[in-house]
Amino acid sequence: MKIEEGVNMEIGKKFYPHPNLKKVYFSYLALAAAVPLAVCLFVLYAAATYAPELWRGSWPYLMLPLAAVVIIIAFVIYWIQKYYASISYTLTSDEVLVERGVWWKMKHTVPYARVMSIDVIQGPLSRKFGIGSVQIYTAGYTGPVGGTSGPGSRGAEASIWGVTNFLEIRETILRHVRSRPLFGVSGKAPADVGTEILKELRSIRRALAR
C-alpha cells in the first residue's frame, strides 16, 4: 500500500482503527461459524428426510444446537462492534498510549525511551482489507501478543492494529525513539548509564530464564 511521503502523525491527537478491522473480525467469525452451522443444518436435514417420526416428535430439541450456535454468533457480532468502538491510540511527545476493552478497560503506556524494536505485520485477511498492525517491543517484557501481561511467551508490549497508515505510524514512532537516549538516561554520567544498561540486561536475563 502506498503511503504519502512527508506526512506526519499529529502528536497528542487520539486516532482509531480503520472500519475494515471489523471486516477482518467478521471474516474470522464466518470461518469459525461455518463448520458448526453446517453440522447443525445437516443433522436437521437428515432427521427431517430420513427419520420423519423422530423429526415430528423431537424437532424442538433438535433445534436447540442450532439455536445455541445462532445465539453465540449474535453475541460475538455484538462484541465485535463494542470492542472496535473501545480501541484508540495516541502518540504523545514521550510515549505511545493504547486503550481498549469492553468490560475490562486496558490502557498500555510505552515510553519511547524503552522501545527496542518495532515490527509491521499483515496477515492474509489484513492485506485483503488494506490494514496492518504495528507491534512495539521493549526490553525485558514478556507476555502474549497484544500487550497483555503474562508469563511464558515473548510478545509486543503494545500493538497498534487495524490501521491503514501502519508504515507512517512506524516511522513516526521510530523518529521519536531515535531522538532519545537508550532507556531514557539522558544527562547521566557514563557510570550511571552503564548501571542502567546493566539493570536492563539483568531484567532481560531473568525474563528469558522464566
N, C-alpha and C. Protein backbone atom coordinates (compact mmCIF):
# COMPACT_ATOMS: atom_id res chain seq x y z
N MET A 1 0.85 -1.19 0.00
CA MET A 1 0.00 0.00 0.00
C MET A 1 0.89 1.25 0.00
N LYS A 2 0.58 2.16 -0.82
CA LYS A 2 1.38 3.38 -0.94
C LYS A 2 1.07 4.33 0.21
N ILE A 3 2.13 4.82 0.83
CA ILE A 3 1.99 5.79 1.92
C ILE A 3 2.49 7.15 1.42
N GLU A 4 1.72 8.16 1.66
CA GLU A 4 2.08 9.50 1.19
C GLU A 4 3.36 9.97 1.86
N GLU A 5 4.28 10.45 1.06
CA GLU A 5 5.57 10.92 1.57
C GLU A 5 5.41 12.20 2.37
N GLY A 6 6.19 12.31 3.47
CA GLY A 6 6.27 13.54 4.23
C GLY A 6 5.11 13.79 5.16
N VAL A 7 4.20 12.82 5.31
CA VAL A 7 3.06 13.01 6.20
C VAL A 7 3.44 12.60 7.61
N ASN A 8 3.16 13.43 8.60
CA ASN A 8 3.47 13.14 9.99
C ASN A 8 2.19 12.91 10.77
N MET A 9 2.23 11.96 11.70
CA MET A 9 1.11 11.77 12.60
C MET A 9 0.99 12.98 13.51
N GLU A 10 -0.24 13.37 13.80
CA GLU A 10 -0.46 14.53 14.67
C GLU A 10 -0.22 14.11 16.11
N ILE A 11 0.83 14.67 16.71
CA ILE A 11 1.24 14.27 18.05
C ILE A 11 0.20 14.74 19.08
N GLY A 12 -0.16 13.81 19.96
CA GLY A 12 -1.09 14.12 21.03
C GLY A 12 -2.55 13.97 20.67
N LYS A 13 -2.87 13.68 19.40
CA LYS A 13 -4.26 13.54 18.99
C LYS A 13 -4.63 12.05 18.92
N LYS A 14 -5.74 11.71 19.53
CA LYS A 14 -6.19 10.32 19.56
C LYS A 14 -6.68 9.91 18.17
N PHE A 15 -6.31 8.67 17.76
CA PHE A 15 -6.82 8.15 16.49
C PHE A 15 -7.31 6.72 16.71
N TYR A 16 -7.98 6.18 15.68
CA TYR A 16 -8.73 4.94 15.86
C TYR A 16 -8.44 3.97 14.72
N PRO A 17 -8.74 2.68 14.91
CA PRO A 17 -8.54 1.73 13.82
C PRO A 17 -9.51 1.99 12.68
N HIS A 18 -9.14 1.52 11.50
CA HIS A 18 -9.98 1.68 10.32
C HIS A 18 -11.19 0.74 10.43
N PRO A 19 -12.35 1.14 9.87
CA PRO A 19 -13.53 0.26 9.90
C PRO A 19 -13.30 -1.11 9.28
N ASN A 20 -12.29 -1.24 8.41
CA ASN A 20 -12.01 -2.54 7.83
C ASN A 20 -11.57 -3.57 8.87
N LEU A 21 -11.15 -3.11 10.05
CA LEU A 21 -10.82 -4.05 11.11
C LEU A 21 -12.03 -4.89 11.47
N LYS A 22 -13.21 -4.28 11.46
CA LYS A 22 -14.44 -5.05 11.74
C LYS A 22 -14.67 -6.11 10.67
N LYS A 23 -14.34 -5.78 9.43
CA LYS A 23 -14.50 -6.76 8.35
C LYS A 23 -13.58 -7.96 8.57
N VAL A 24 -12.37 -7.69 9.07
CA VAL A 24 -11.45 -8.80 9.37
C VAL A 24 -12.04 -9.68 10.47
N TYR A 25 -12.54 -9.06 11.54
CA TYR A 25 -13.15 -9.82 12.63
C TYR A 25 -14.36 -10.62 12.14
N PHE A 26 -15.20 -10.01 11.33
CA PHE A 26 -16.38 -10.71 10.81
C PHE A 26 -15.98 -11.86 9.90
N SER A 27 -14.88 -11.70 9.16
CA SER A 27 -14.41 -12.79 8.31
C SER A 27 -13.95 -13.97 9.14
N TYR A 28 -13.21 -13.69 10.22
CA TYR A 28 -12.80 -14.77 11.12
C TYR A 28 -14.01 -15.45 11.75
N LEU A 29 -15.02 -14.65 12.11
CA LEU A 29 -16.23 -15.22 12.69
C LEU A 29 -16.94 -16.12 11.69
N ALA A 30 -17.01 -15.69 10.45
CA ALA A 30 -17.67 -16.51 9.42
C ALA A 30 -16.94 -17.84 9.23
N LEU A 31 -15.62 -17.79 9.23
CA LEU A 31 -14.85 -19.02 9.08
C LEU A 31 -15.05 -19.95 10.28
N ALA A 32 -15.09 -19.37 11.48
CA ALA A 32 -15.25 -20.19 12.68
C ALA A 32 -16.65 -20.76 12.79
N ALA A 33 -17.65 -20.01 12.31
CA ALA A 33 -19.04 -20.45 12.46
C ALA A 33 -19.50 -21.39 11.36
N ALA A 34 -18.75 -21.47 10.27
CA ALA A 34 -19.20 -22.26 9.12
C ALA A 34 -19.39 -23.73 9.47
N VAL A 35 -18.42 -24.31 10.19
CA VAL A 35 -18.50 -25.75 10.50
C VAL A 35 -19.65 -26.08 11.44
N PRO A 36 -19.77 -25.42 12.62
CA PRO A 36 -20.91 -25.77 13.49
C PRO A 36 -22.27 -25.52 12.85
N LEU A 37 -22.40 -24.46 12.05
CA LEU A 37 -23.66 -24.21 11.36
C LEU A 37 -23.96 -25.32 10.36
N ALA A 38 -22.94 -25.73 9.61
CA ALA A 38 -23.13 -26.79 8.62
C ALA A 38 -23.53 -28.11 9.30
N VAL A 39 -22.89 -28.43 10.42
CA VAL A 39 -23.22 -29.67 11.13
C VAL A 39 -24.66 -29.64 11.64
N CYS A 40 -25.05 -28.53 12.26
CA CYS A 40 -26.43 -28.42 12.79
C CYS A 40 -27.46 -28.54 11.67
N LEU A 41 -27.23 -27.86 10.56
CA LEU A 41 -28.18 -27.91 9.45
C LEU A 41 -28.23 -29.30 8.83
N PHE A 42 -27.08 -29.96 8.76
CA PHE A 42 -27.06 -31.31 8.20
C PHE A 42 -27.84 -32.28 9.08
N VAL A 43 -27.68 -32.16 10.40
CA VAL A 43 -28.43 -33.02 11.32
C VAL A 43 -29.93 -32.80 11.18
N LEU A 44 -30.35 -31.55 11.08
CA LEU A 44 -31.77 -31.25 10.92
C LEU A 44 -32.31 -31.79 9.60
N TYR A 45 -31.53 -31.62 8.55
CA TYR A 45 -31.95 -32.12 7.24
C TYR A 45 -32.05 -33.64 7.25
N ALA A 46 -31.05 -34.30 7.83
CA ALA A 46 -31.06 -35.76 7.87
C ALA A 46 -32.24 -36.29 8.69
N ALA A 47 -32.52 -35.62 9.82
CA ALA A 47 -33.64 -36.07 10.66
C ALA A 47 -34.96 -35.88 9.94
N ALA A 48 -35.13 -34.73 9.28
CA ALA A 48 -36.39 -34.47 8.58
C ALA A 48 -36.57 -35.36 7.36
N THR A 49 -35.48 -35.75 6.71
CA THR A 49 -35.57 -36.54 5.48
C THR A 49 -35.63 -38.03 5.74
N TYR A 50 -34.75 -38.51 6.64
CA TYR A 50 -34.61 -39.96 6.80
C TYR A 50 -35.27 -40.49 8.08
N ALA A 51 -35.64 -39.60 8.99
CA ALA A 51 -36.31 -40.05 10.21
C ALA A 51 -37.47 -39.11 10.53
N PRO A 52 -38.49 -39.10 9.68
CA PRO A 52 -39.60 -38.16 9.89
C PRO A 52 -40.32 -38.35 11.22
N GLU A 53 -40.39 -39.61 11.71
CA GLU A 53 -41.03 -39.84 13.01
C GLU A 53 -40.26 -39.14 14.12
N LEU A 54 -38.95 -39.29 14.07
CA LEU A 54 -38.11 -38.62 15.06
C LEU A 54 -38.25 -37.11 14.94
N TRP A 55 -38.29 -36.60 13.71
CA TRP A 55 -38.39 -35.16 13.48
C TRP A 55 -39.71 -34.61 14.03
N ARG A 56 -40.81 -35.32 13.76
CA ARG A 56 -42.10 -34.82 14.22
C ARG A 56 -42.21 -34.80 15.74
N GLY A 57 -41.59 -35.76 16.39
CA GLY A 57 -41.71 -35.84 17.85
C GLY A 57 -40.66 -35.06 18.61
N SER A 58 -39.54 -34.76 17.95
CA SER A 58 -38.41 -34.16 18.71
C SER A 58 -37.81 -32.93 18.05
N TRP A 59 -38.48 -32.35 17.07
CA TRP A 59 -37.85 -31.23 16.36
C TRP A 59 -37.49 -30.05 17.26
N PRO A 60 -38.27 -29.73 18.32
CA PRO A 60 -37.82 -28.60 19.17
C PRO A 60 -36.47 -28.87 19.84
N TYR A 61 -36.24 -30.12 20.23
CA TYR A 61 -34.96 -30.46 20.87
C TYR A 61 -33.83 -30.49 19.85
N LEU A 62 -34.15 -30.96 18.64
CA LEU A 62 -33.13 -30.99 17.59
C LEU A 62 -32.72 -29.58 17.16
N MET A 63 -33.61 -28.62 17.38
CA MET A 63 -33.30 -27.24 17.01
C MET A 63 -32.42 -26.54 18.04
N LEU A 64 -32.29 -27.11 19.23
CA LEU A 64 -31.54 -26.44 20.30
C LEU A 64 -30.08 -26.17 19.93
N PRO A 65 -29.32 -27.15 19.36
CA PRO A 65 -27.93 -26.84 19.00
C PRO A 65 -27.82 -25.69 18.00
N LEU A 66 -28.71 -25.68 17.01
CA LEU A 66 -28.68 -24.59 16.03
C LEU A 66 -28.99 -23.26 16.69
N ALA A 67 -29.98 -23.25 17.60
CA ALA A 67 -30.31 -22.01 18.30
C ALA A 67 -29.12 -21.52 19.14
N ALA A 68 -28.42 -22.46 19.79
CA ALA A 68 -27.25 -22.08 20.59
C ALA A 68 -26.16 -21.46 19.73
N VAL A 69 -25.92 -22.06 18.56
CA VAL A 69 -24.89 -21.52 17.66
C VAL A 69 -25.28 -20.12 17.18
N VAL A 70 -26.55 -19.93 16.84
CA VAL A 70 -27.01 -18.62 16.37
C VAL A 70 -26.88 -17.57 17.47
N ILE A 71 -27.20 -17.95 18.71
CA ILE A 71 -27.07 -17.01 19.83
C ILE A 71 -25.61 -16.61 20.04
N ILE A 72 -24.73 -17.60 19.96
CA ILE A 72 -23.30 -17.30 20.13
C ILE A 72 -22.81 -16.37 19.03
N ILE A 73 -23.22 -16.63 17.80
CA ILE A 73 -22.81 -15.77 16.68
C ILE A 73 -23.33 -14.35 16.89
N ALA A 74 -24.58 -14.22 17.30
CA ALA A 74 -25.15 -12.89 17.54
C ALA A 74 -24.39 -12.16 18.64
N PHE A 75 -24.01 -12.89 19.70
CA PHE A 75 -23.25 -12.26 20.79
C PHE A 75 -21.89 -11.79 20.30
N VAL A 76 -21.22 -12.62 19.50
CA VAL A 76 -19.89 -12.24 19.00
C VAL A 76 -19.99 -11.03 18.09
N ILE A 77 -21.04 -10.96 17.26
CA ILE A 77 -21.24 -9.79 16.40
C ILE A 77 -21.40 -8.53 17.26
N TYR A 78 -22.19 -8.65 18.32
CA TYR A 78 -22.37 -7.52 19.24
C TYR A 78 -21.04 -7.13 19.88
N TRP A 79 -20.28 -8.15 20.33
CA TRP A 79 -19.00 -7.88 20.99
C TRP A 79 -18.01 -7.21 20.04
N ILE A 80 -17.97 -7.65 18.78
CA ILE A 80 -17.05 -7.05 17.81
C ILE A 80 -17.34 -5.56 17.66
N GLN A 81 -18.61 -5.19 17.58
CA GLN A 81 -18.97 -3.78 17.45
C GLN A 81 -18.51 -2.98 18.66
N LYS A 82 -18.75 -3.52 19.85
CA LYS A 82 -18.37 -2.82 21.08
C LYS A 82 -16.85 -2.75 21.23
N TYR A 83 -16.17 -3.86 20.91
CA TYR A 83 -14.72 -3.89 21.07
C TYR A 83 -14.05 -2.93 20.10
N TYR A 84 -14.51 -2.90 18.86
CA TYR A 84 -13.95 -1.97 17.88
C TYR A 84 -14.10 -0.53 18.36
N ALA A 85 -15.27 -0.20 18.93
CA ALA A 85 -15.51 1.17 19.40
C ALA A 85 -14.64 1.53 20.60
N SER A 86 -14.11 0.52 21.30
CA SER A 86 -13.32 0.80 22.51
C SER A 86 -11.85 1.06 22.22
N ILE A 87 -11.39 0.77 21.00
CA ILE A 87 -9.96 0.86 20.69
C ILE A 87 -9.58 2.29 20.29
N SER A 88 -8.51 2.79 20.89
CA SER A 88 -7.97 4.10 20.50
C SER A 88 -6.47 4.11 20.73
N TYR A 89 -5.80 4.97 19.98
CA TYR A 89 -4.34 5.10 20.06
C TYR A 89 -3.98 6.59 20.15
N THR A 90 -2.86 6.85 20.84
CA THR A 90 -2.34 8.22 20.93
C THR A 90 -0.82 8.17 20.91
N LEU A 91 -0.22 8.98 20.05
CA LEU A 91 1.23 9.15 20.05
C LEU A 91 1.51 10.52 20.65
N THR A 92 2.01 10.53 21.89
CA THR A 92 2.37 11.80 22.52
C THR A 92 3.83 12.10 22.21
N SER A 93 4.34 13.18 22.79
CA SER A 93 5.74 13.53 22.56
C SER A 93 6.69 12.62 23.34
N ASP A 94 6.16 11.83 24.29
CA ASP A 94 7.01 10.98 25.12
C ASP A 94 6.68 9.50 25.08
N GLU A 95 5.46 9.13 24.64
CA GLU A 95 5.06 7.73 24.78
C GLU A 95 3.94 7.37 23.81
N VAL A 96 3.72 6.06 23.72
CA VAL A 96 2.61 5.51 22.94
C VAL A 96 1.53 5.05 23.91
N LEU A 97 0.28 5.43 23.67
CA LEU A 97 -0.84 5.02 24.51
C LEU A 97 -1.80 4.18 23.68
N VAL A 98 -2.16 3.01 24.21
CA VAL A 98 -3.13 2.14 23.56
C VAL A 98 -4.24 1.84 24.57
N GLU A 99 -5.48 2.13 24.20
CA GLU A 99 -6.62 1.87 25.09
C GLU A 99 -7.60 0.94 24.38
N ARG A 100 -8.14 -0.02 25.12
CA ARG A 100 -9.10 -0.96 24.55
C ARG A 100 -9.82 -1.68 25.67
N GLY A 101 -10.87 -2.40 25.31
CA GLY A 101 -11.58 -3.21 26.28
C GLY A 101 -13.06 -2.88 26.35
N VAL A 102 -13.90 -3.91 26.41
CA VAL A 102 -15.35 -3.73 26.51
C VAL A 102 -15.77 -3.74 27.97
N TRP A 103 -15.55 -4.86 28.65
CA TRP A 103 -15.90 -4.95 30.07
C TRP A 103 -14.71 -4.64 30.96
N TRP A 104 -13.51 -5.08 30.56
CA TRP A 104 -12.30 -4.74 31.29
C TRP A 104 -11.50 -3.76 30.45
N LYS A 105 -11.44 -2.52 30.90
CA LYS A 105 -10.72 -1.47 30.18
C LYS A 105 -9.23 -1.60 30.44
N MET A 106 -8.44 -1.57 29.38
CA MET A 106 -6.98 -1.67 29.49
C MET A 106 -6.32 -0.48 28.81
N LYS A 107 -5.26 0.01 29.44
CA LYS A 107 -4.51 1.12 28.88
C LYS A 107 -3.02 0.79 28.97
N HIS A 108 -2.37 0.70 27.81
CA HIS A 108 -0.94 0.39 27.74
C HIS A 108 -0.17 1.67 27.42
N THR A 109 0.85 1.93 28.21
CA THR A 109 1.69 3.11 28.02
C THR A 109 3.12 2.65 27.81
N VAL A 110 3.70 3.01 26.68
CA VAL A 110 5.06 2.59 26.34
C VAL A 110 5.91 3.83 26.06
N PRO A 111 6.82 4.19 26.96
CA PRO A 111 7.70 5.34 26.70
C PRO A 111 8.62 5.05 25.52
N TYR A 112 8.87 6.06 24.70
CA TYR A 112 9.76 5.89 23.56
C TYR A 112 11.16 5.45 23.99
N ALA A 113 11.59 5.92 25.17
CA ALA A 113 12.94 5.63 25.62
C ALA A 113 13.17 4.16 25.90
N ARG A 114 12.08 3.37 26.04
CA ARG A 114 12.23 1.94 26.35
C ARG A 114 11.98 1.04 25.14
N VAL A 115 11.62 1.64 24.01
CA VAL A 115 11.33 0.84 22.82
C VAL A 115 12.62 0.26 22.25
N MET A 116 12.61 -1.05 22.02
CA MET A 116 13.79 -1.73 21.47
C MET A 116 13.62 -2.06 19.99
N SER A 117 12.40 -2.40 19.58
CA SER A 117 12.16 -2.72 18.17
C SER A 117 10.68 -2.54 17.85
N ILE A 118 10.41 -2.35 16.55
CA ILE A 118 9.04 -2.15 16.07
C ILE A 118 8.85 -3.00 14.82
N ASP A 119 7.82 -3.82 14.82
CA ASP A 119 7.52 -4.66 13.66
C ASP A 119 6.20 -4.23 13.03
N VAL A 120 6.11 -4.42 11.72
CA VAL A 120 4.86 -4.23 10.99
C VAL A 120 4.39 -5.60 10.50
N ILE A 121 3.14 -5.93 10.79
CA ILE A 121 2.62 -7.26 10.46
C ILE A 121 1.31 -7.12 9.69
N GLN A 122 1.18 -7.96 8.64
CA GLN A 122 -0.06 -8.05 7.86
C GLN A 122 -0.35 -9.52 7.58
N GLY A 123 -1.50 -9.99 8.03
CA GLY A 123 -1.93 -11.33 7.69
C GLY A 123 -2.65 -11.32 6.35
N PRO A 124 -3.05 -12.52 5.87
CA PRO A 124 -3.73 -12.59 4.57
C PRO A 124 -5.00 -11.74 4.52
N LEU A 125 -5.84 -11.82 5.56
CA LEU A 125 -7.08 -11.03 5.56
C LEU A 125 -6.78 -9.55 5.72
N SER A 126 -5.77 -9.23 6.54
CA SER A 126 -5.41 -7.82 6.71
C SER A 126 -4.95 -7.21 5.40
N ARG A 127 -4.16 -7.97 4.63
CA ARG A 127 -3.72 -7.47 3.32
C ARG A 127 -4.91 -7.26 2.39
N LYS A 128 -5.86 -8.19 2.43
CA LYS A 128 -7.04 -8.07 1.57
C LYS A 128 -7.82 -6.79 1.85
N PHE A 129 -7.89 -6.42 3.13
CA PHE A 129 -8.67 -5.24 3.52
C PHE A 129 -7.79 -4.00 3.69
N GLY A 130 -6.49 -4.09 3.37
CA GLY A 130 -5.62 -2.92 3.34
C GLY A 130 -5.23 -2.36 4.69
N ILE A 131 -5.20 -3.21 5.73
CA ILE A 131 -4.81 -2.74 7.06
C ILE A 131 -3.64 -3.57 7.57
N GLY A 132 -3.02 -3.08 8.63
CA GLY A 132 -1.89 -3.80 9.23
C GLY A 132 -1.76 -3.41 10.69
N SER A 133 -0.74 -3.98 11.34
CA SER A 133 -0.52 -3.69 12.75
C SER A 133 0.93 -3.31 12.98
N VAL A 134 1.13 -2.49 14.00
CA VAL A 134 2.46 -2.07 14.43
C VAL A 134 2.70 -2.67 15.81
N GLN A 135 3.70 -3.55 15.91
CA GLN A 135 4.00 -4.24 17.16
C GLN A 135 5.21 -3.57 17.82
N ILE A 136 5.04 -3.12 19.06
CA ILE A 136 6.07 -2.35 19.76
C ILE A 136 6.65 -3.22 20.87
N TYR A 137 7.97 -3.42 20.83
CA TYR A 137 8.66 -4.27 21.78
C TYR A 137 9.59 -3.44 22.66
N THR A 138 9.68 -3.81 23.93
CA THR A 138 10.59 -3.14 24.86
C THR A 138 11.50 -4.17 25.51
N ALA A 139 12.54 -3.70 26.17
CA ALA A 139 13.49 -4.59 26.82
C ALA A 139 12.86 -5.26 28.03
N GLY A 140 13.06 -6.57 28.13
CA GLY A 140 12.66 -7.29 29.33
C GLY A 140 11.19 -7.58 29.45
N TYR A 141 10.39 -7.27 28.41
CA TYR A 141 8.95 -7.52 28.52
C TYR A 141 8.64 -8.93 28.05
N THR A 142 7.82 -9.65 28.82
CA THR A 142 7.39 -10.98 28.47
C THR A 142 5.88 -11.05 28.56
N GLY A 143 5.23 -11.42 27.49
CA GLY A 143 3.78 -11.52 27.51
C GLY A 143 3.26 -11.93 26.16
N PRO A 144 2.00 -12.34 26.08
CA PRO A 144 1.43 -12.73 24.80
C PRO A 144 1.24 -11.54 23.90
N VAL A 145 1.15 -11.81 22.60
CA VAL A 145 0.96 -10.74 21.63
C VAL A 145 -0.31 -9.98 21.94
N GLY A 146 -0.24 -8.66 21.85
CA GLY A 146 -1.40 -7.82 22.11
C GLY A 146 -1.19 -6.92 23.30
N GLY A 147 -0.11 -7.18 24.07
CA GLY A 147 0.22 -6.27 25.15
C GLY A 147 -0.30 -6.66 26.50
N THR A 148 -0.97 -7.80 26.67
CA THR A 148 -1.43 -8.19 27.99
C THR A 148 -0.34 -8.95 28.70
N SER A 149 -0.22 -8.72 29.99
CA SER A 149 0.85 -9.34 30.75
C SER A 149 0.60 -10.82 30.92
N GLY A 150 1.68 -11.56 31.11
CA GLY A 150 1.55 -12.99 31.32
C GLY A 150 2.84 -13.69 30.99
N PRO A 151 3.20 -14.71 31.78
CA PRO A 151 4.46 -15.40 31.56
C PRO A 151 4.37 -16.39 30.42
N GLY A 152 5.51 -16.78 29.93
CA GLY A 152 5.56 -17.92 29.04
C GLY A 152 5.78 -17.61 27.58
N SER A 153 5.62 -16.40 27.12
CA SER A 153 5.82 -16.11 25.72
C SER A 153 6.29 -14.67 25.55
N ARG A 154 7.07 -14.49 24.50
CA ARG A 154 7.61 -13.17 24.20
C ARG A 154 6.68 -12.48 23.22
N GLY A 155 6.13 -11.34 23.60
CA GLY A 155 5.20 -10.64 22.73
C GLY A 155 5.40 -9.15 22.80
N ALA A 156 4.65 -8.45 21.96
CA ALA A 156 4.72 -6.99 21.95
C ALA A 156 4.09 -6.42 23.21
N GLU A 157 4.70 -5.36 23.74
CA GLU A 157 4.13 -4.71 24.92
C GLU A 157 2.90 -3.89 24.54
N ALA A 158 2.87 -3.40 23.32
CA ALA A 158 1.70 -2.67 22.84
C ALA A 158 1.56 -2.88 21.35
N SER A 159 0.32 -2.89 20.87
CA SER A 159 0.06 -3.10 19.45
C SER A 159 -0.91 -2.04 18.95
N ILE A 160 -0.57 -1.48 17.79
CA ILE A 160 -1.48 -0.58 17.09
C ILE A 160 -1.93 -1.33 15.85
N TRP A 161 -3.16 -1.85 15.88
CA TRP A 161 -3.60 -2.71 14.79
C TRP A 161 -4.87 -2.17 14.14
N GLY A 162 -5.11 -2.69 12.93
CA GLY A 162 -6.31 -2.26 12.21
C GLY A 162 -6.20 -0.89 11.59
N VAL A 163 -4.99 -0.45 11.24
CA VAL A 163 -4.79 0.89 10.66
C VAL A 163 -4.26 0.75 9.23
N THR A 164 -4.59 1.73 8.39
CA THR A 164 -4.12 1.70 7.01
C THR A 164 -2.75 2.35 6.85
N ASN A 165 -2.43 3.31 7.71
CA ASN A 165 -1.15 4.03 7.62
C ASN A 165 -0.13 3.46 8.60
N PHE A 166 -0.03 2.14 8.65
CA PHE A 166 0.85 1.50 9.62
C PHE A 166 2.32 1.82 9.38
N LEU A 167 2.72 1.99 8.11
CA LEU A 167 4.13 2.34 7.82
C LEU A 167 4.44 3.75 8.32
N GLU A 168 3.51 4.65 8.13
CA GLU A 168 3.68 6.03 8.61
C GLU A 168 3.78 6.06 10.13
N ILE A 169 2.93 5.28 10.80
CA ILE A 169 2.95 5.23 12.26
C ILE A 169 4.28 4.67 12.75
N ARG A 170 4.74 3.61 12.10
CA ARG A 170 6.04 3.03 12.48
C ARG A 170 7.17 4.06 12.35
N GLU A 171 7.19 4.78 11.24
CA GLU A 171 8.26 5.76 11.04
C GLU A 171 8.15 6.90 12.04
N THR A 172 6.95 7.32 12.39
CA THR A 172 6.77 8.38 13.38
C THR A 172 7.31 7.95 14.74
N ILE A 173 6.98 6.72 15.15
CA ILE A 173 7.48 6.22 16.43
C ILE A 173 9.00 6.09 16.40
N LEU A 174 9.54 5.59 15.28
CA LEU A 174 10.99 5.43 15.18
C LEU A 174 11.70 6.78 15.27
N ARG A 175 11.12 7.83 14.72
CA ARG A 175 11.76 9.14 14.82
C ARG A 175 11.84 9.59 16.27
N HIS A 176 10.78 9.33 17.04
CA HIS A 176 10.81 9.68 18.46
C HIS A 176 11.81 8.81 19.22
N VAL A 177 11.87 7.54 18.87
CA VAL A 177 12.79 6.64 19.56
C VAL A 177 14.24 7.04 19.29
N ARG A 178 14.54 7.36 18.05
CA ARG A 178 15.93 7.72 17.69
C ARG A 178 16.36 9.03 18.31
N SER A 179 15.42 9.88 18.66
CA SER A 179 15.77 11.17 19.24
C SER A 179 16.03 11.08 20.74
N ARG A 180 15.87 9.88 21.31
CA ARG A 180 16.05 9.71 22.76
C ARG A 180 17.15 8.73 23.04
N PRO A 181 17.90 8.95 24.13
CA PRO A 181 18.94 8.00 24.51
C PRO A 181 18.31 6.71 25.02
N LEU A 182 19.05 5.62 24.91
CA LEU A 182 18.56 4.31 25.33
C LEU A 182 18.18 4.32 26.80
N PHE A 183 16.95 3.83 27.10
CA PHE A 183 16.43 3.70 28.44
C PHE A 183 16.26 5.03 29.14
N GLY A 184 16.22 6.13 28.39
CA GLY A 184 15.94 7.43 28.99
C GLY A 184 16.97 7.88 29.99
N VAL A 185 18.27 7.73 29.67
CA VAL A 185 19.33 8.07 30.63
C VAL A 185 20.04 9.34 30.22
N SER A 186 19.36 10.22 29.52
CA SER A 186 19.96 11.47 29.06
C SER A 186 20.44 12.30 30.24
N GLY A 187 21.65 12.85 30.11
CA GLY A 187 22.18 13.74 31.12
C GLY A 187 22.87 13.03 32.27
N LYS A 188 22.91 11.70 32.28
CA LYS A 188 23.57 10.98 33.36
C LYS A 188 25.02 10.76 33.02
N ALA A 189 25.80 10.55 34.05
CA ALA A 189 27.22 10.28 33.87
C ALA A 189 27.39 8.92 33.22
N PRO A 190 28.55 8.66 32.55
CA PRO A 190 28.77 7.37 31.92
C PRO A 190 28.58 6.19 32.86
N ALA A 191 29.01 6.35 34.12
CA ALA A 191 28.86 5.26 35.08
C ALA A 191 27.39 4.97 35.34
N ASP A 192 26.59 6.05 35.41
CA ASP A 192 25.15 5.86 35.62
C ASP A 192 24.51 5.19 34.41
N VAL A 193 24.98 5.57 33.23
CA VAL A 193 24.45 4.95 32.02
C VAL A 193 24.75 3.45 32.02
N GLY A 194 25.99 3.09 32.38
CA GLY A 194 26.36 1.68 32.44
C GLY A 194 25.53 0.92 33.45
N THR A 195 25.23 1.55 34.58
CA THR A 195 24.41 0.90 35.60
C THR A 195 23.01 0.65 35.11
N GLU A 196 22.42 1.65 34.43
CA GLU A 196 21.07 1.49 33.90
C GLU A 196 21.02 0.37 32.87
N ILE A 197 22.02 0.34 31.98
CA ILE A 197 22.05 -0.71 30.95
C ILE A 197 22.20 -2.08 31.60
N LEU A 198 23.06 -2.17 32.63
CA LEU A 198 23.25 -3.45 33.32
C LEU A 198 21.95 -3.92 33.96
N LYS A 199 21.19 -3.00 34.54
CA LYS A 199 19.91 -3.37 35.15
C LYS A 199 18.95 -3.93 34.10
N GLU A 200 18.93 -3.26 32.93
CA GLU A 200 18.03 -3.72 31.88
C GLU A 200 18.45 -5.09 31.36
N LEU A 201 19.75 -5.31 31.21
CA LEU A 201 20.24 -6.61 30.75
C LEU A 201 19.90 -7.71 31.75
N ARG A 202 20.01 -7.40 33.05
CA ARG A 202 19.65 -8.38 34.06
C ARG A 202 18.16 -8.72 34.01
N SER A 203 17.32 -7.71 33.76
CA SER A 203 15.88 -7.96 33.68
C SER A 203 15.55 -8.83 32.46
N ILE A 204 16.27 -8.59 31.36
CA ILE A 204 16.07 -9.43 30.18
C ILE A 204 16.49 -10.86 30.47
N ARG A 205 17.61 -11.02 31.17
CA ARG A 205 18.10 -12.36 31.50
C ARG A 205 17.12 -13.11 32.39
N ARG A 206 16.54 -12.40 33.39
CA ARG A 206 15.56 -13.05 34.26
C ARG A 206 14.32 -13.44 33.48
N ALA A 207 13.90 -12.56 32.53
CA ALA A 207 12.70 -12.87 31.74
C ALA A 207 12.93 -14.09 30.86
N LEU A 208 14.13 -14.17 30.25
CA LEU A 208 14.44 -15.32 29.42
C LEU A 208 14.56 -16.59 30.23
N ALA A 209 15.04 -16.47 31.45
CA ALA A 209 15.19 -17.66 32.32
C ALA A 209 13.85 -18.26 32.69
N ARG A 210 12.82 -17.38 32.79
CA ARG A 210 11.48 -17.89 33.11
C ARG A 210 10.87 -18.61 31.91
